[in-house]
């Protein structure tokens, strides 16, 4: 069972896709809200690891895992031209 994580950010956008290719022809990856929050805290807010984990109410190792999963998914989507869908 996935533990609830505190997410203080709600994106106004829930889908990104490469231009010029119909969505029906593209693979899709799902980026979960906690992964988006981890990206925001580390890359936009520039918080340190202790603060990130405290903000999301998770351990430092859990935060690192969430963040690394998000980076892997984004890298896959950008490099391989996939749709990115943000889900709760």
C-alpha atoms as a PDB file:
ATOM      1  CA  UNK A   1       0.000   0.000   0.000  1.00  0.00           C
ATOM      2  CA  UNK A   2       1.349   3.409  -0.988  1.00  0.00           C
ATOM      3  CA  UNK A   3       1.785   5.756   1.966  1.00  0.00           C
ATOM      4  CA  UNK A   4       0.178   9.192   1.679  1.00  0.00           C
ATOM      5  CA  UNK A   5       2.697  11.921   1.031  1.00  0.00           C
ATOM      6  CA  UNK A   6       2.187  15.586   1.568  1.00  0.00           C
ATOM      7  CA  UNK A   7       2.040  17.465  -1.735  1.00  0.00           C
ATOM      8  CA  UNK A   8       1.693  21.241  -1.564  1.00  0.00           C
ATOM      9  CA  UNK A   9       1.617  21.908  -5.279  1.00  0.00           C
ATOM     10  CA  UNK A  10      -1.114  21.365  -7.832  1.00  0.00           C
ATOM     11  CA  UNK A  11      -0.056  21.649 -11.466  1.00  0.00           C
ATOM     12  CA  UNK A  12      -2.342  23.486 -13.872  1.00  0.00           C
ATOM     13  CA  UNK A  13      -1.086  21.190 -16.608  1.00  0.00           C
ATOM     14  CA  UNK A  14      -1.693  17.447 -16.666  1.00  0.00           C
ATOM     15  CA  UNK A  15      -0.320  16.399 -20.063  1.00  0.00           C
ATOM     16  CA  UNK A  16       2.743  17.041 -22.221  1.00  0.00           C
ATOM     17  CA  UNK A  17       3.322  15.499 -25.625  1.00  0.00           C
ATOM     18  CA  UNK A  18       5.716  15.832 -28.523  1.00  0.00           C
ATOM     19  CA  UNK A  19       4.313  18.088 -31.250  1.00  0.00           C
ATOM     20  CA  UNK A  20       3.521  16.808 -34.704  1.00  0.00           C
ATOM     21  CA  UNK A  21       2.655  13.226 -33.708  1.00  0.00           C
ATOM     22  CA  UNK A  22      -0.901  12.183 -32.843  1.00  0.00           C
ATOM     23  CA  UNK A  23      -1.278  11.159 -29.208  1.00  0.00           C
ATOM     24  CA  UNK A  24      -2.753   7.819 -30.283  1.00  0.00           C
ATOM     25  CA  UNK A  25       0.608   6.922 -31.845  1.00  0.00           C
ATOM     26  CA  UNK A  26       2.664   7.695 -28.747  1.00  0.00           C
ATOM     27  CA  UNK A  27       3.465   5.682 -25.653  1.00  0.00           C
ATOM     28  CA  UNK A  28       2.540   7.336 -22.369  1.00  0.00           C
ATOM     29  CA  UNK A  29       4.251   7.532 -19.011  1.00  0.00           C
ATOM     30  CA  UNK A  30       2.510   8.547 -15.812  1.00  0.00           C
ATOM     31  CA  UNK A  31       4.198  11.015 -13.504  1.00  0.00           C
ATOM     32  CA  UNK A  32       2.540  10.906 -10.065  1.00  0.00           C
ATOM     33  CA  UNK A  33       1.894  14.082  -8.054  1.00  0.00           C
ATOM     34  CA  UNK A  34       4.434  13.081  -5.402  1.00  0.00           C
ATOM     35  CA  UNK A  35       7.045  12.755  -8.155  1.00  0.00           C
ATOM     36  CA  UNK A  36       6.158  16.221  -9.477  1.00  0.00           C
ATOM     37  CA  UNK A  37       6.387  17.577  -5.921  1.00  0.00           C
ATOM     38  CA  UNK A  38       9.833  16.012  -5.484  1.00  0.00           C
ATOM     39  CA  UNK A  39      10.999  17.624  -8.741  1.00  0.00           C
ATOM     40  CA  UNK A  40       9.602  20.986  -7.632  1.00  0.00           C
ATOM     41  CA  UNK A  41      11.177  20.902  -4.185  1.00  0.00           C
ATOM     42  CA  UNK A  42      14.617  19.897  -5.425  1.00  0.00           C
ATOM     43  CA  UNK A  43      14.883  21.752  -8.728  1.00  0.00           C
ATOM     44  CA  UNK A  44      12.642  24.815  -8.347  1.00  0.00           C
ATOM     45  CA  UNK A  45      12.622  25.522  -4.597  1.00  0.00           C
ATOM     46  CA  UNK A  46      16.286  24.393  -4.237  1.00  0.00           C
ATOM     47  CA  UNK A  47      15.618  22.896  -0.817  1.00  0.00           C
ATOM     48  CA  UNK A  48      18.159  20.645   0.912  1.00  0.00           C
ATOM     49  CA  UNK A  49      17.496  16.921   1.337  1.00  0.00           C
ATOM     50  CA  UNK A  50      16.422  17.162   4.981  1.00  0.00           C
ATOM     51  CA  UNK A  51      13.921  19.912   4.126  1.00  0.00           C
ATOM     52  CA  UNK A  52      12.561  17.992   1.088  1.00  0.00           C
ATOM     53  CA  UNK A  53      11.881  14.911   3.138  1.00  0.00           C
ATOM     54  CA  UNK A  54      10.328  16.902   5.988  1.00  0.00           C
ATOM     55  CA  UNK A  55       8.123  18.866   3.562  1.00  0.00           C
ATOM     56  CA  UNK A  56       6.721  15.652   2.060  1.00  0.00           C
ATOM     57  CA  UNK A  57       6.654  13.800   5.399  1.00  0.00           C
ATOM     58  CA  UNK A  58       8.829  10.932   4.147  1.00  0.00           C
ATOM     59  CA  UNK A  59      12.309   9.641   4.924  1.00  0.00           C
ATOM     60  CA  UNK A  60      15.309  10.966   3.006  1.00  0.00           C
ATOM     61  CA  UNK A  61      15.726   7.611   1.258  1.00  0.00           C
ATOM     62  CA  UNK A  62      12.050   7.571   0.221  1.00  0.00           C
ATOM     63  CA  UNK A  63      12.355  11.105  -1.122  1.00  0.00           C
ATOM     64  CA  UNK A  64      15.464  10.108  -3.100  1.00  0.00           C
ATOM     65  CA  UNK A  65      13.614   7.110  -4.562  1.00  0.00           C
ATOM     66  CA  UNK A  66      10.606   9.247  -5.561  1.00  0.00           C
ATOM     67  CA  UNK A  67      12.863  11.885  -7.122  1.00  0.00           C
ATOM     68  CA  UNK A  68      14.976   9.345  -9.009  1.00  0.00           C
ATOM     69  CA  UNK A  69      11.859   7.643 -10.410  1.00  0.00           C
ATOM     70  CA  UNK A  70      10.600  11.010 -11.657  1.00  0.00           C
ATOM     71  CA  UNK A  71      13.921  11.834 -13.333  1.00  0.00           C
ATOM     72  CA  UNK A  72      14.018   8.409 -15.017  1.00  0.00           C
ATOM     73  CA  UNK A  73      10.463   8.822 -16.328  1.00  0.00           C
ATOM     74  CA  UNK A  74      11.106  12.335 -17.646  1.00  0.00           C
ATOM     75  CA  UNK A  75      14.336  11.228 -19.303  1.00  0.00           C
ATOM     76  CA  UNK A  76      12.556   8.317 -20.985  1.00  0.00           C
ATOM     77  CA  UNK A  77       9.739  10.561 -22.210  1.00  0.00           C
ATOM     78  CA  UNK A  78      12.044  13.249 -23.585  1.00  0.00           C
ATOM     79  CA  UNK A  79      14.567  10.917 -25.195  1.00  0.00           C
ATOM     80  CA  UNK A  80      12.006   8.463 -26.589  1.00  0.00           C
ATOM     81  CA  UNK A  81       9.229  10.933 -27.463  1.00  0.00           C
ATOM     82  CA  UNK A  82       6.525   9.770 -25.064  1.00  0.00           C
ATOM     83  CA  UNK A  83       3.464  11.506 -23.636  1.00  0.00           C
ATOM     84  CA  UNK A  84       3.837  12.602 -20.001  1.00  0.00           C
ATOM     85  CA  UNK A  85       0.573  12.469 -18.032  1.00  0.00           C
ATOM     86  CA  UNK A  86       0.437  13.841 -14.479  1.00  0.00           C
ATOM     87  CA  UNK A  87      -1.825  11.848 -12.132  1.00  0.00           C
ATOM     88  CA  UNK A  88      -2.874  12.084  -8.513  1.00  0.00           C
END
